[in-house]
Amino acid sequence: MRILVYKRTHIGDPDESGCFGIHSCMGQVRERDLDAVIGVGGVGSEPVQEGIDKKLTWIGIGPKRVGVADDGHPLLAFEQFYLKDEKGPLLGDKAPKLAKRMFAENGPRSVMVDADDEMKSILQLAKRAQPSPALLEQVPKRKGCNRGKKKSC
């Protein structure tokens, strides 16, 4: 299982629709061959203001392409979608090795990882989650998901 883990700067992509890419966040990274996505709050001033710094903010398992974002890359919805944003647990409490890697000085913005025991424990949080609402609505191509106010990614 290939898992994308990336640091978020803000909430809103994905939003409650469960659609990843509505504000073109992570651009071409959404094209990768992956089985799950884990979003964690970064450590800069914007994630701190958003209340997501160092938190496990969302998990998507089983991505499905549901349209094309304004940046020309796919919009993704998920078979299981878990969104906590600022209410999410600290990543270090759930996955200390991953937290150490992601939050190290000059740590990566995103990584592709295989499902080890730590990753499996994180994914377990979303195993009983419902599908992305956007997936249930079968959003037509080019229409995309609810894009709302544009955020900078």
Foldseek 3Di string as FASTA:
>chain_A
DKEKEFADLAPVQPDLLQKHCLLDPPPPVLVDDGFKYWYAHDADPSSVVRQGHQFGFKMAGGWDFQAAYPSRHTIIWHQWIDGHRNNGHRLCVQAVVVSCQQHPVVHDRMDMDDDDPSNVSVVVVGPPGHTRNNVVVSHHYPVGDPNPDHDDD
